[in-house]
Amino acid sequence: MSKYMMVACRNIEDEVDAAMREKQLDYPVLYLKSGLHDLPDRLHRELQALIDALTDIDYLLLPMGRCGNATLGLRSERFSLVLPKCEDCINLLLSDDSLKVDRPKGRMFYTRGWLLSERAAPNEYDDCVRKYGKDSADMIFQAMYSGYTHFAILKTGLFDIEKAKRTLMPVAQTAGVDFEELEAPCGILKKMVQLDLDEENFAVIPPGTEVTEEMLQLS
């Protein structure tokens, strides 16, 4: 019987855990520190170090997609890597039965997991106010979010949306963005967690082969 392990971003811990409970699965899952997806080079190095250290598994599941190209070039000599064919984990959350999702532009996406990160917008705003004062912090955040029109709250059914909006409200008002709620059935993430790995949505990279961008493109 094949042995599986998953390495996932802590930002999607709620969704991964829910999918595992649904099928009563118990293979090991290691969650990376939040915020690494903002540092692709560091994320790549940490993932490769983990891959090099792991033994006694047949498949390592990485629910990340390209993730700022952090997964490109990853390679294992001992086991297969499994990745979804998508941009990043937002596609996994927005998906139903395919990774061909409608991902609107100008959105910053949020679930409870994103708000728990040290690098979450409310935390960064508070830090900025303490360092530079409110007026300067407001100018900085208006510039930072000038390309965004909405904070998109992903309706996974696993957290309090109104509480999330209250947490984000000071930043939203400062940045001049609106709120939007998007359905997030997490269909392909559930399939991945539950080991239903179809060729359309997933790439299985055998030992000795590097992950390439072409492997992670939907046909």
N, C-alpha and C. Protein backbone atom coordinates (compact mmCIF):
# COMPACT_ATOMS: atom_id res chain seq x y z
N MET A 1 0.85 -1.20 0.00
CA MET A 1 0.00 0.00 0.00
C MET A 1 0.88 1.25 0.00
N SER A 2 0.57 2.18 -0.88
CA SER A 2 1.38 3.40 -1.01
C SER A 2 1.29 4.26 0.24
N LYS A 3 2.41 4.92 0.54
CA LYS A 3 2.46 5.81 1.70
C LYS A 3 2.47 7.26 1.21
N TYR A 4 1.56 8.07 1.78
CA TYR A 4 1.41 9.47 1.40
C TYR A 4 1.78 10.39 2.56
N MET A 5 2.22 11.59 2.19
CA MET A 5 2.43 12.67 3.14
C MET A 5 2.08 13.97 2.43
N MET A 6 1.66 14.98 3.19
CA MET A 6 1.36 16.29 2.60
C MET A 6 2.17 17.36 3.31
N VAL A 7 2.65 18.32 2.53
CA VAL A 7 3.25 19.54 3.07
C VAL A 7 2.43 20.70 2.51
N ALA A 8 1.80 21.46 3.39
CA ALA A 8 0.87 22.51 2.97
C ALA A 8 1.17 23.81 3.72
N CYS A 9 0.69 24.90 3.16
CA CYS A 9 0.77 26.20 3.82
C CYS A 9 -0.23 26.23 4.98
N ARG A 10 0.16 26.80 6.09
CA ARG A 10 -0.75 26.88 7.24
C ARG A 10 -1.99 27.71 6.93
N ASN A 11 -1.91 28.55 5.90
CA ASN A 11 -3.08 29.36 5.53
C ASN A 11 -4.28 28.51 5.13
N ILE A 12 -4.05 27.27 4.65
CA ILE A 12 -5.18 26.42 4.25
C ILE A 12 -5.36 25.24 5.21
N GLU A 13 -4.87 25.39 6.44
CA GLU A 13 -4.97 24.32 7.42
C GLU A 13 -6.43 23.95 7.70
N ASP A 14 -7.30 24.93 7.86
CA ASP A 14 -8.72 24.64 8.14
C ASP A 14 -9.33 23.77 7.04
N GLU A 15 -9.04 24.13 5.79
CA GLU A 15 -9.64 23.43 4.66
C GLU A 15 -9.08 22.02 4.50
N VAL A 16 -7.77 21.87 4.70
CA VAL A 16 -7.16 20.54 4.62
C VAL A 16 -7.69 19.64 5.73
N ASP A 17 -7.72 20.16 6.94
CA ASP A 17 -8.19 19.36 8.08
C ASP A 17 -9.64 18.94 7.88
N ALA A 18 -10.48 19.83 7.36
CA ALA A 18 -11.89 19.50 7.14
C ALA A 18 -12.03 18.39 6.11
N ALA A 19 -11.23 18.45 5.05
CA ALA A 19 -11.29 17.41 4.01
C ALA A 19 -10.81 16.07 4.55
N MET A 20 -9.84 16.08 5.43
CA MET A 20 -9.36 14.83 6.02
C MET A 20 -10.40 14.23 6.97
N ARG A 21 -11.05 15.09 7.75
CA ARG A 21 -12.09 14.60 8.66
C ARG A 21 -13.25 13.98 7.89
N GLU A 22 -13.57 14.57 6.76
CA GLU A 22 -14.69 14.10 5.96
C GLU A 22 -14.53 12.64 5.56
N LYS A 23 -13.30 12.22 5.27
CA LYS A 23 -13.03 10.84 4.85
C LYS A 23 -12.27 10.05 5.92
N GLN A 24 -12.13 10.64 7.11
CA GLN A 24 -11.44 9.98 8.22
C GLN A 24 -10.04 9.50 7.83
N LEU A 25 -9.29 10.40 7.21
CA LEU A 25 -7.92 10.11 6.79
C LEU A 25 -6.95 10.52 7.89
N ASP A 26 -5.80 9.86 7.93
CA ASP A 26 -4.85 10.17 8.99
C ASP A 26 -3.39 10.11 8.53
N TYR A 27 -3.14 10.25 7.23
CA TYR A 27 -1.74 10.29 6.81
C TYR A 27 -1.12 11.61 7.29
N PRO A 28 0.20 11.67 7.44
CA PRO A 28 0.82 12.86 8.05
C PRO A 28 0.73 14.10 7.17
N VAL A 29 0.48 15.24 7.82
CA VAL A 29 0.45 16.55 7.16
C VAL A 29 1.36 17.49 7.94
N LEU A 30 2.28 18.12 7.23
CA LEU A 30 3.17 19.10 7.83
C LEU A 30 2.78 20.48 7.30
N TYR A 31 2.52 21.42 8.21
CA TYR A 31 2.14 22.77 7.81
C TYR A 31 3.33 23.71 7.92
N LEU A 32 3.57 24.44 6.84
CA LEU A 32 4.65 25.41 6.82
C LEU A 32 4.23 26.71 7.50
N LYS A 33 5.20 27.47 7.92
CA LYS A 33 4.94 28.75 8.56
C LYS A 33 4.19 29.68 7.61
N SER A 34 3.20 30.39 8.14
CA SER A 34 2.44 31.34 7.32
C SER A 34 3.36 32.43 6.78
N GLY A 35 3.03 32.92 5.60
CA GLY A 35 3.78 34.03 5.03
C GLY A 35 4.88 33.61 4.08
N LEU A 36 5.22 32.32 4.04
CA LEU A 36 6.28 31.89 3.13
C LEU A 36 5.88 32.06 1.66
N HIS A 37 4.55 32.04 1.38
CA HIS A 37 4.13 32.20 -0.01
C HIS A 37 4.46 33.60 -0.54
N ASP A 38 4.74 34.54 0.38
CA ASP A 38 5.17 35.88 -0.04
C ASP A 38 6.67 35.93 -0.33
N LEU A 39 7.37 34.84 -0.04
CA LEU A 39 8.84 34.78 -0.22
C LEU A 39 9.19 33.54 -1.03
N PRO A 40 8.92 33.56 -2.35
CA PRO A 40 9.05 32.35 -3.17
C PRO A 40 10.42 31.69 -3.12
N ASP A 41 11.49 32.46 -3.11
CA ASP A 41 12.82 31.86 -3.08
C ASP A 41 13.05 31.10 -1.79
N ARG A 42 12.65 31.69 -0.68
CA ARG A 42 12.80 31.02 0.61
C ARG A 42 11.89 29.80 0.69
N LEU A 43 10.67 29.93 0.19
CA LEU A 43 9.75 28.79 0.19
C LEU A 43 10.35 27.64 -0.61
N HIS A 44 10.93 27.94 -1.77
CA HIS A 44 11.55 26.90 -2.60
C HIS A 44 12.66 26.19 -1.82
N ARG A 45 13.51 26.97 -1.16
CA ARG A 45 14.63 26.37 -0.42
C ARG A 45 14.13 25.49 0.71
N GLU A 46 13.11 25.95 1.42
CA GLU A 46 12.60 25.17 2.55
C GLU A 46 11.91 23.90 2.07
N LEU A 47 11.18 23.99 0.97
CA LEU A 47 10.55 22.80 0.42
C LEU A 47 11.58 21.78 -0.04
N GLN A 48 12.62 22.25 -0.74
CA GLN A 48 13.63 21.31 -1.22
C GLN A 48 14.37 20.66 -0.06
N ALA A 49 14.63 21.43 1.01
CA ALA A 49 15.30 20.86 2.18
C ALA A 49 14.43 19.78 2.82
N LEU A 50 13.12 20.03 2.89
CA LEU A 50 12.20 19.02 3.43
C LEU A 50 12.18 17.77 2.56
N ILE A 51 12.09 17.98 1.26
CA ILE A 51 12.07 16.85 0.32
C ILE A 51 13.33 16.00 0.48
N ASP A 52 14.47 16.65 0.60
CA ASP A 52 15.74 15.93 0.73
C ASP A 52 15.81 15.14 2.03
N ALA A 53 15.09 15.61 3.06
CA ALA A 53 15.17 14.96 4.37
C ALA A 53 14.16 13.84 4.55
N LEU A 54 13.09 13.85 3.76
CA LEU A 54 12.02 12.87 3.97
C LEU A 54 12.40 11.49 3.45
N THR A 55 11.94 10.48 4.17
CA THR A 55 12.14 9.09 3.76
C THR A 55 10.88 8.30 4.04
N ASP A 56 10.82 7.10 3.52
CA ASP A 56 9.75 6.14 3.82
C ASP A 56 8.37 6.62 3.40
N ILE A 57 8.29 7.33 2.27
CA ILE A 57 7.00 7.65 1.65
C ILE A 57 7.11 7.36 0.16
N ASP A 58 5.94 7.24 -0.46
CA ASP A 58 5.90 7.02 -1.90
C ASP A 58 5.46 8.27 -2.66
N TYR A 59 4.60 9.10 -2.01
CA TYR A 59 4.08 10.31 -2.65
C TYR A 59 4.06 11.45 -1.64
N LEU A 60 4.57 12.61 -2.07
CA LEU A 60 4.47 13.83 -1.28
C LEU A 60 3.50 14.77 -1.98
N LEU A 61 2.40 15.10 -1.31
CA LEU A 61 1.38 15.99 -1.85
C LEU A 61 1.71 17.43 -1.50
N LEU A 62 1.72 18.29 -2.51
CA LEU A 62 2.02 19.72 -2.33
C LEU A 62 0.86 20.54 -2.89
N PRO A 63 -0.13 20.92 -2.08
CA PRO A 63 -1.29 21.66 -2.57
C PRO A 63 -0.98 23.15 -2.75
N MET A 64 -0.15 23.45 -3.74
CA MET A 64 0.37 24.81 -3.91
C MET A 64 0.31 25.32 -5.34
N GLY A 65 0.28 24.46 -6.33
CA GLY A 65 0.45 24.93 -7.69
C GLY A 65 1.85 25.52 -7.86
N ARG A 66 1.96 26.53 -8.71
CA ARG A 66 3.27 27.15 -8.93
C ARG A 66 3.70 28.00 -7.73
N CYS A 67 2.75 28.68 -7.12
CA CYS A 67 2.99 29.50 -5.92
C CYS A 67 4.15 30.46 -6.12
N GLY A 68 3.97 31.39 -7.07
CA GLY A 68 5.04 32.36 -7.34
C GLY A 68 6.29 31.71 -7.89
N ASN A 69 6.13 30.55 -8.54
CA ASN A 69 7.21 29.75 -9.10
C ASN A 69 8.10 29.10 -8.03
N ALA A 70 7.63 29.10 -6.78
CA ALA A 70 8.42 28.50 -5.70
C ALA A 70 8.57 27.00 -5.86
N THR A 71 7.62 26.35 -6.52
CA THR A 71 7.69 24.89 -6.66
C THR A 71 8.44 24.45 -7.91
N LEU A 72 8.72 25.37 -8.81
CA LEU A 72 9.43 25.00 -10.03
C LEU A 72 10.87 24.60 -9.69
N GLY A 73 11.31 23.49 -10.25
CA GLY A 73 12.66 23.00 -9.99
C GLY A 73 12.77 22.05 -8.82
N LEU A 74 11.68 21.87 -8.07
CA LEU A 74 11.73 20.90 -6.98
C LEU A 74 11.94 19.51 -7.55
N ARG A 75 12.61 18.66 -6.77
CA ARG A 75 12.97 17.33 -7.26
C ARG A 75 13.18 16.39 -6.08
N SER A 76 12.69 15.19 -6.20
CA SER A 76 12.97 14.15 -5.22
C SER A 76 13.62 12.97 -5.91
N GLU A 77 14.58 12.37 -5.25
CA GLU A 77 15.23 11.18 -5.79
C GLU A 77 14.58 9.89 -5.29
N ARG A 78 13.68 9.99 -4.29
CA ARG A 78 13.18 8.78 -3.63
C ARG A 78 11.68 8.55 -3.78
N PHE A 79 10.92 9.59 -4.05
CA PHE A 79 9.46 9.45 -4.11
C PHE A 79 8.89 10.44 -5.13
N SER A 80 7.62 10.27 -5.45
CA SER A 80 6.95 11.15 -6.42
C SER A 80 6.39 12.38 -5.72
N LEU A 81 6.40 13.49 -6.44
CA LEU A 81 5.76 14.73 -5.99
C LEU A 81 4.42 14.87 -6.71
N VAL A 82 3.41 15.34 -5.99
CA VAL A 82 2.09 15.54 -6.58
C VAL A 82 1.69 16.99 -6.38
N LEU A 83 1.42 17.70 -7.48
CA LEU A 83 1.01 19.11 -7.41
C LEU A 83 -0.22 19.34 -8.27
N PRO A 84 -1.07 20.29 -7.87
CA PRO A 84 -2.20 20.67 -8.72
C PRO A 84 -1.74 21.56 -9.86
N LYS A 85 -2.42 21.48 -10.98
CA LYS A 85 -2.06 22.27 -12.16
C LYS A 85 -2.74 23.64 -12.08
N CYS A 86 -2.14 24.53 -11.28
CA CYS A 86 -2.77 25.84 -11.08
C CYS A 86 -1.75 26.87 -10.63
N GLU A 87 -2.21 28.09 -10.51
CA GLU A 87 -1.35 29.20 -10.12
C GLU A 87 -0.92 29.08 -8.66
N ASP A 88 -1.89 28.90 -7.77
CA ASP A 88 -1.60 28.76 -6.34
C ASP A 88 -2.82 28.21 -5.63
N CYS A 89 -2.78 28.20 -4.29
CA CYS A 89 -3.85 27.54 -3.55
C CYS A 89 -5.18 28.28 -3.62
N ILE A 90 -5.20 29.53 -4.05
CA ILE A 90 -6.48 30.22 -4.23
C ILE A 90 -7.33 29.47 -5.25
N ASN A 91 -6.70 29.00 -6.33
CA ASN A 91 -7.43 28.22 -7.33
C ASN A 91 -8.03 26.96 -6.72
N LEU A 92 -7.30 26.34 -5.80
CA LEU A 92 -7.80 25.14 -5.14
C LEU A 92 -9.06 25.44 -4.32
N LEU A 93 -9.09 26.59 -3.67
CA LEU A 93 -10.23 26.95 -2.85
C LEU A 93 -11.43 27.37 -3.70
N LEU A 94 -11.19 28.06 -4.79
CA LEU A 94 -12.27 28.52 -5.66
C LEU A 94 -12.85 27.39 -6.52
N SER A 95 -12.13 26.29 -6.62
CA SER A 95 -12.51 25.24 -7.56
C SER A 95 -13.70 24.41 -7.09
N ASP A 96 -14.41 23.84 -8.08
CA ASP A 96 -15.47 22.88 -7.80
C ASP A 96 -15.00 21.51 -8.30
N ASP A 97 -15.18 21.25 -9.61
CA ASP A 97 -14.71 19.98 -10.15
C ASP A 97 -13.60 20.16 -11.17
N SER A 98 -13.08 21.38 -11.29
CA SER A 98 -11.99 21.66 -12.22
C SER A 98 -11.20 22.85 -11.72
N LEU A 99 -9.91 22.89 -12.07
CA LEU A 99 -9.07 24.02 -11.70
C LEU A 99 -9.20 25.19 -12.67
N LYS A 100 -10.04 25.04 -13.68
CA LYS A 100 -10.36 26.16 -14.57
C LYS A 100 -11.41 27.03 -13.87
N VAL A 101 -10.93 27.94 -13.03
CA VAL A 101 -11.82 28.73 -12.18
C VAL A 101 -11.89 30.18 -12.67
N ASP A 102 -12.96 30.84 -12.31
CA ASP A 102 -13.12 32.27 -12.57
C ASP A 102 -12.48 33.02 -11.41
N ARG A 103 -11.29 33.54 -11.66
CA ARG A 103 -10.54 34.23 -10.60
C ARG A 103 -10.52 35.72 -10.92
N PRO A 104 -11.42 36.49 -10.32
CA PRO A 104 -11.54 37.91 -10.69
C PRO A 104 -10.29 38.71 -10.36
N LYS A 105 -10.02 39.71 -11.17
CA LYS A 105 -8.85 40.55 -10.99
C LYS A 105 -9.09 41.60 -9.90
N GLY A 106 -8.01 42.16 -9.41
CA GLY A 106 -8.10 43.25 -8.45
C GLY A 106 -8.58 42.84 -7.08
N ARG A 107 -8.43 41.54 -6.77
CA ARG A 107 -8.89 41.04 -5.48
C ARG A 107 -7.73 40.59 -4.61
N MET A 108 -7.83 40.85 -3.33
CA MET A 108 -7.00 40.24 -2.32
C MET A 108 -7.88 39.23 -1.60
N PHE A 109 -7.48 37.97 -1.62
CA PHE A 109 -8.34 36.89 -1.15
C PHE A 109 -8.05 36.57 0.32
N TYR A 110 -9.13 36.25 1.07
CA TYR A 110 -8.97 35.98 2.49
C TYR A 110 -9.85 34.82 2.95
N THR A 111 -9.28 34.02 3.85
CA THR A 111 -10.02 33.09 4.70
C THR A 111 -9.50 33.33 6.12
N ARG A 112 -9.99 32.57 7.06
CA ARG A 112 -9.50 32.70 8.43
C ARG A 112 -7.99 32.46 8.48
N GLY A 113 -7.52 31.49 7.69
CA GLY A 113 -6.10 31.17 7.71
C GLY A 113 -5.22 32.34 7.34
N TRP A 114 -5.63 33.10 6.34
CA TRP A 114 -4.85 34.27 5.92
C TRP A 114 -4.83 35.32 7.03
N LEU A 115 -5.94 35.46 7.74
CA LEU A 115 -6.02 36.47 8.79
C LEU A 115 -5.21 36.09 10.03
N LEU A 116 -4.88 34.81 10.18
CA LEU A 116 -4.07 34.38 11.31
C LEU A 116 -2.57 34.57 11.06
N SER A 117 -2.21 34.83 9.82
CA SER A 117 -0.80 34.99 9.48
C SER A 117 -0.22 36.26 10.10
N GLU A 118 1.06 36.18 10.48
CA GLU A 118 1.75 37.36 11.00
C GLU A 118 1.80 38.47 9.96
N ARG A 119 1.76 38.08 8.68
CA ARG A 119 1.85 39.06 7.60
C ARG A 119 0.48 39.47 7.08
N ALA A 120 -0.58 39.14 7.81
CA ALA A 120 -1.93 39.56 7.41
C ALA A 120 -2.02 41.07 7.41
N ALA A 121 -2.86 41.59 6.51
CA ALA A 121 -2.96 43.05 6.34
C ALA A 121 -3.24 43.80 7.64
N PRO A 122 -4.17 43.36 8.50
CA PRO A 122 -4.41 44.12 9.74
C PRO A 122 -3.18 44.19 10.64
N ASN A 123 -2.42 43.09 10.70
CA ASN A 123 -1.21 43.10 11.52
C ASN A 123 -0.16 44.04 10.95
N GLU A 124 0.01 43.99 9.63
CA GLU A 124 0.99 44.87 9.00
C GLU A 124 0.59 46.34 9.13
N TYR A 125 -0.72 46.60 9.06
CA TYR A 125 -1.20 47.99 9.22
C TYR A 125 -0.91 48.49 10.63
N ASP A 126 -1.22 47.67 11.63
CA ASP A 126 -0.96 48.07 13.01
C ASP A 126 0.53 48.34 13.24
N ASP A 127 1.38 47.49 12.69
CA ASP A 127 2.82 47.68 12.82
C ASP A 127 3.25 48.98 12.16
N CYS A 128 2.67 49.26 11.02
CA CYS A 128 3.02 50.47 10.27
C CYS A 128 2.61 51.72 11.05
N VAL A 129 1.43 51.67 11.67
CA VAL A 129 0.97 52.81 12.48
C VAL A 129 1.92 53.05 13.64
N ARG A 130 2.35 51.97 14.31
CA ARG A 130 3.27 52.11 15.44
C ARG A 130 4.61 52.70 15.01
N LYS A 131 5.08 52.32 13.82
CA LYS A 131 6.39 52.78 13.37
C LYS A 131 6.36 54.21 12.83
N TYR A 132 5.31 54.54 12.06
CA TYR A 132 5.33 55.79 11.30
C TYR A 132 4.21 56.76 11.64
N GLY A 133 3.26 56.34 12.47
CA GLY A 133 2.11 57.18 12.74
C GLY A 133 0.99 56.90 11.74
N LYS A 134 -0.25 57.26 12.12
CA LYS A 134 -1.40 56.88 11.31
C LYS A 134 -1.40 57.54 9.94
N ASP A 135 -1.09 58.80 9.85
CA ASP A 135 -1.15 59.49 8.56
C ASP A 135 -0.19 58.85 7.55
N SER A 136 1.03 58.60 7.99
CA SER A 136 2.00 57.98 7.08
C SER A 136 1.61 56.54 6.75
N ALA A 137 1.09 55.83 7.76
CA ALA A 137 0.65 54.45 7.52
C ALA A 137 -0.48 54.42 6.50
N ASP A 138 -1.40 55.36 6.61
CA ASP A 138 -2.51 55.41 5.65
C ASP A 138 -2.00 55.64 4.24
N MET A 139 -1.04 56.53 4.07
CA MET A 139 -0.48 56.80 2.75
C MET A 139 0.22 55.55 2.20
N ILE A 140 0.95 54.86 3.06
CA ILE A 140 1.67 53.65 2.63
C ILE A 140 0.68 52.59 2.16
N PHE A 141 -0.39 52.38 2.92
CA PHE A 141 -1.34 51.33 2.58
C PHE A 141 -2.21 51.70 1.38
N GLN A 142 -2.48 52.97 1.21
CA GLN A 142 -3.20 53.39 0.00
C GLN A 142 -2.36 53.09 -1.24
N ALA A 143 -1.05 53.30 -1.13
CA ALA A 143 -0.17 52.99 -2.26
C ALA A 143 -0.05 51.48 -2.45
N MET A 144 0.07 50.72 -1.35
CA MET A 144 0.23 49.27 -1.42
C MET A 144 -0.96 48.60 -2.10
N TYR A 145 -2.15 49.11 -1.85
CA TYR A 145 -3.36 48.46 -2.34
C TYR A 145 -4.00 49.22 -3.51
N SER A 146 -3.22 50.07 -4.15
CA SER A 146 -3.77 50.88 -5.25
C SER A 146 -4.24 50.01 -6.42
N GLY A 147 -3.69 48.81 -6.55
CA GLY A 147 -4.08 47.92 -7.64
C GLY A 147 -5.25 47.02 -7.31
N TYR A 148 -5.79 47.15 -6.11
CA TYR A 148 -6.89 46.28 -5.68
C TYR A 148 -8.20 47.07 -5.58
N THR A 149 -9.28 46.39 -5.89
CA THR A 149 -10.61 46.99 -5.76
C THR A 149 -11.44 46.35 -4.66
N HIS A 150 -11.10 45.10 -4.30
CA HIS A 150 -11.91 44.36 -3.33
C HIS A 150 -11.04 43.48 -2.42
N PHE A 151 -11.49 43.33 -1.19
CA PHE A 151 -11.06 42.23 -0.34
C PHE A 151 -12.10 41.14 -0.52
N ALA A 152 -11.70 40.03 -1.12
CA ALA A 152 -12.62 38.94 -1.43
C ALA A 152 -12.57 37.90 -0.32
N ILE A 153 -13.68 37.74 0.39
CA ILE A 153 -13.78 36.76 1.45
C ILE A 153 -14.27 35.45 0.84
N LEU A 154 -13.50 34.38 1.01
CA LEU A 154 -13.83 33.10 0.39
C LEU A 154 -14.77 32.30 1.29
N LYS A 155 -15.94 31.99 0.77
CA LYS A 155 -16.99 31.33 1.54
C LYS A 155 -16.76 29.81 1.55
N THR A 156 -15.88 29.38 2.45
CA THR A 156 -15.58 27.96 2.58
C THR A 156 -16.53 27.26 3.54
N GLY A 157 -17.27 28.04 4.32
CA GLY A 157 -18.14 27.47 5.34
C GLY A 157 -17.42 27.06 6.60
N LEU A 158 -16.17 27.48 6.75
CA LEU A 158 -15.36 27.04 7.89
C LEU A 158 -14.97 28.16 8.84
N PHE A 159 -15.48 29.37 8.62
CA PHE A 159 -15.14 30.47 9.51
C PHE A 159 -16.24 31.53 9.46
N ASP A 160 -16.19 32.46 10.40
CA ASP A 160 -17.18 33.53 10.55
C ASP A 160 -16.82 34.67 9.60
N ILE A 161 -17.59 34.81 8.54
CA ILE A 161 -17.29 35.83 7.53
C ILE A 161 -17.43 37.24 8.09
N GLU A 162 -18.46 37.48 8.89
CA GLU A 162 -18.67 38.83 9.44
C GLU A 162 -17.53 39.21 10.38
N LYS A 163 -17.02 38.25 11.13
CA LYS A 163 -15.87 38.53 11.99
C LYS A 163 -14.65 38.87 11.15
N ALA A 164 -14.47 38.16 10.05
CA ALA A 164 -13.35 38.46 9.15
C ALA A 164 -13.46 39.87 8.59
N LYS A 165 -14.66 40.27 8.22
CA LYS A 165 -14.86 41.62 7.69
C LYS A 165 -14.54 42.68 8.75
N ARG A 166 -14.96 42.42 9.98
CA ARG A 166 -14.66 43.38 11.05
C ARG A 166 -13.16 43.51 11.26
N THR A 167 -12.45 42.40 11.16
CA THR A 167 -11.00 42.42 11.33
C THR A 167 -10.33 43.23 10.22
N LEU A 168 -10.85 43.09 9.01
CA LEU A 168 -10.26 43.75 7.84
C LEU A 168 -10.75 45.19 7.64
N MET A 169 -11.82 45.57 8.32
CA MET A 169 -12.45 46.86 8.04
C MET A 169 -11.51 48.06 8.11
N PRO A 170 -10.67 48.19 9.14
CA PRO A 170 -9.79 49.37 9.17
C PRO A 170 -8.88 49.47 7.94
N VAL A 171 -8.35 48.35 7.50
CA VAL A 171 -7.48 48.36 6.32
C VAL A 171 -8.29 48.64 5.07
N ALA A 172 -9.47 48.03 4.97
CA ALA A 172 -10.32 48.25 3.79
C ALA A 172 -10.69 49.72 3.65
N GLN A 173 -11.05 50.35 4.76
CA GLN A 173 -11.41 51.77 4.71
C GLN A 173 -10.22 52.64 4.34
N THR A 174 -9.06 52.31 4.90
CA THR A 174 -7.85 53.07 4.59
C THR A 174 -7.45 52.92 3.13
N ALA A 175 -7.51 51.68 2.63
CA ALA A 175 -7.08 51.40 1.26
C ALA A 175 -8.14 51.76 0.23
N GLY A 176 -9.38 52.00 0.69
CA GLY A 176 -10.45 52.38 -0.24
C GLY A 176 -10.93 51.22 -1.10
N VAL A 177 -10.97 50.01 -0.51
CA VAL A 177 -11.46 48.85 -1.25
C VAL A 177 -12.77 48.38 -0.66
N ASP A 178 -13.57 47.69 -1.48
CA ASP A 178 -14.84 47.14 -1.04
C ASP A 178 -14.68 45.67 -0.64
N PHE A 179 -15.72 45.15 0.00
CA PHE A 179 -15.76 43.72 0.32
C PHE A 179 -16.56 42.97 -0.73
N GLU A 180 -16.17 41.73 -0.94
CA GLU A 180 -16.87 40.84 -1.84
C GLU A 180 -16.81 39.43 -1.26
N GLU A 181 -17.89 38.69 -1.37
CA GLU A 181 -17.91 37.30 -0.92
C GLU A 181 -17.96 36.39 -2.13
N LEU A 182 -17.05 35.41 -2.16
CA LEU A 182 -16.97 34.48 -3.28
C LEU A 182 -17.17 33.05 -2.80
N GLU A 183 -17.96 32.29 -3.54
CA GLU A 183 -18.13 30.88 -3.21
C GLU A 183 -16.80 30.16 -3.36
N ALA A 184 -16.48 29.33 -2.37
CA ALA A 184 -15.21 28.60 -2.39
C ALA A 184 -15.46 27.16 -1.95
N PRO A 185 -15.92 26.31 -2.89
CA PRO A 185 -16.25 24.93 -2.53
C PRO A 185 -15.04 24.04 -2.26
N CYS A 186 -13.85 24.49 -2.62
CA CYS A 186 -12.61 23.74 -2.34
C CYS A 186 -12.62 22.36 -2.99
N GLY A 187 -13.28 22.23 -4.14
CA GLY A 187 -13.47 20.91 -4.73
C GLY A 187 -12.20 20.16 -5.05
N ILE A 188 -11.26 20.82 -5.72
CA ILE A 188 -10.03 20.13 -6.12
C ILE A 188 -9.10 19.95 -4.93
N LEU A 189 -9.14 20.87 -3.98
CA LEU A 189 -8.36 20.65 -2.76
C LEU A 189 -8.86 19.40 -2.04
N LYS A 190 -10.17 19.24 -1.95
CA LYS A 190 -10.72 18.05 -1.30
C LYS A 190 -10.28 16.78 -2.04
N LYS A 191 -10.32 16.84 -3.37
CA LYS A 191 -9.90 15.67 -4.15
C LYS A 191 -8.44 15.33 -3.86
N MET A 192 -7.61 16.35 -3.76
CA MET A 192 -6.19 16.11 -3.51
C MET A 192 -5.98 15.51 -2.13
N VAL A 193 -6.58 16.12 -1.12
CA VAL A 193 -6.44 15.63 0.24
C VAL A 193 -6.94 14.19 0.34
N GLN A 194 -8.03 13.90 -0.38
CA GLN A 194 -8.66 12.58 -0.30
C GLN A 194 -8.10 11.60 -1.33
N LEU A 195 -6.97 11.98 -1.97
CA LEU A 195 -6.18 11.11 -2.85
C LEU A 195 -6.92 10.67 -4.10
N ASP A 196 -7.81 11.53 -4.57
CA ASP A 196 -8.53 11.30 -5.83
C ASP A 196 -7.82 12.13 -6.90
N LEU A 197 -6.74 11.58 -7.44
CA LEU A 197 -5.79 12.36 -8.23
C LEU A 197 -5.95 12.09 -9.72
N ASP A 198 -6.83 12.84 -10.37
CA ASP A 198 -7.04 12.65 -11.80
C ASP A 198 -5.96 13.38 -12.59
N GLU A 199 -5.73 12.93 -13.82
CA GLU A 199 -4.66 13.48 -14.65
C GLU A 199 -4.98 14.89 -15.14
N GLU A 200 -6.25 15.24 -15.21
CA GLU A 200 -6.62 16.57 -15.71
C GLU A 200 -6.14 17.66 -14.77
N ASN A 201 -6.29 17.45 -13.46
CA ASN A 201 -6.03 18.51 -12.49
C ASN A 201 -4.72 18.37 -11.72
N PHE A 202 -4.07 17.21 -11.82
CA PHE A 202 -2.88 16.98 -11.01
C PHE A 202 -1.71 16.48 -11.85
N ALA A 203 -0.53 16.90 -11.44
CA ALA A 203 0.71 16.40 -12.04
C ALA A 203 1.41 15.52 -11.03
N VAL A 204 1.77 14.32 -11.44
CA VAL A 204 2.55 13.41 -10.60
C VAL A 204 3.95 13.34 -11.19
N ILE A 205 4.91 13.87 -10.44
CA ILE A 205 6.28 13.98 -10.93
C ILE A 205 7.10 12.85 -10.34
N PRO A 206 7.60 11.94 -11.17
CA PRO A 206 8.30 10.75 -10.65
C PRO A 206 9.67 11.11 -10.08
N PRO A 207 10.24 10.20 -9.29
CA PRO A 207 11.58 10.43 -8.72
C PRO A 207 12.60 10.75 -9.81
N GLY A 208 13.50 11.66 -9.48
CA GLY A 208 14.56 12.02 -10.41
C GLY A 208 14.17 13.04 -11.45
N THR A 209 12.96 13.59 -11.36
CA THR A 209 12.46 14.55 -12.35
C THR A 209 12.14 15.88 -11.68
N GLU A 210 12.58 16.98 -12.29
CA GLU A 210 12.29 18.31 -11.73
C GLU A 210 10.90 18.78 -12.15
N VAL A 211 10.27 19.53 -11.26
CA VAL A 211 8.98 20.15 -11.57
C VAL A 211 9.22 21.29 -12.57
N THR A 212 8.46 21.30 -13.66
CA THR A 212 8.55 22.37 -14.64
C THR A 212 7.22 23.11 -14.75
N GLU A 213 7.28 24.29 -15.32
CA GLU A 213 6.05 25.08 -15.50
C GLU A 213 5.07 24.35 -16.41
N GLU A 214 5.56 23.68 -17.42
CA GLU A 214 4.69 22.98 -18.36
C GLU A 214 3.89 21.87 -17.66
N MET A 215 4.48 21.22 -16.69
CA MET A 215 3.78 20.17 -15.95
C MET A 215 2.56 20.70 -15.20
N LEU A 216 2.60 21.97 -14.81
CA LEU A 216 1.56 22.55 -13.96
C LEU A 216 0.57 23.38 -14.75
N GLN A 217 0.56 23.21 -16.06
CA GLN A 217 -0.41 23.91 -16.91
C GLN A 217 -1.57 22.98 -17.23
N LEU A 218 -2.79 23.52 -17.12
CA LEU A 218 -3.98 22.75 -17.50
C LEU A 218 -4.01 22.58 -19.00
N SER A 219 -4.46 21.42 -19.45
CA SER A 219 -4.55 21.19 -20.89
C SER A 219 -5.82 21.83 -21.44
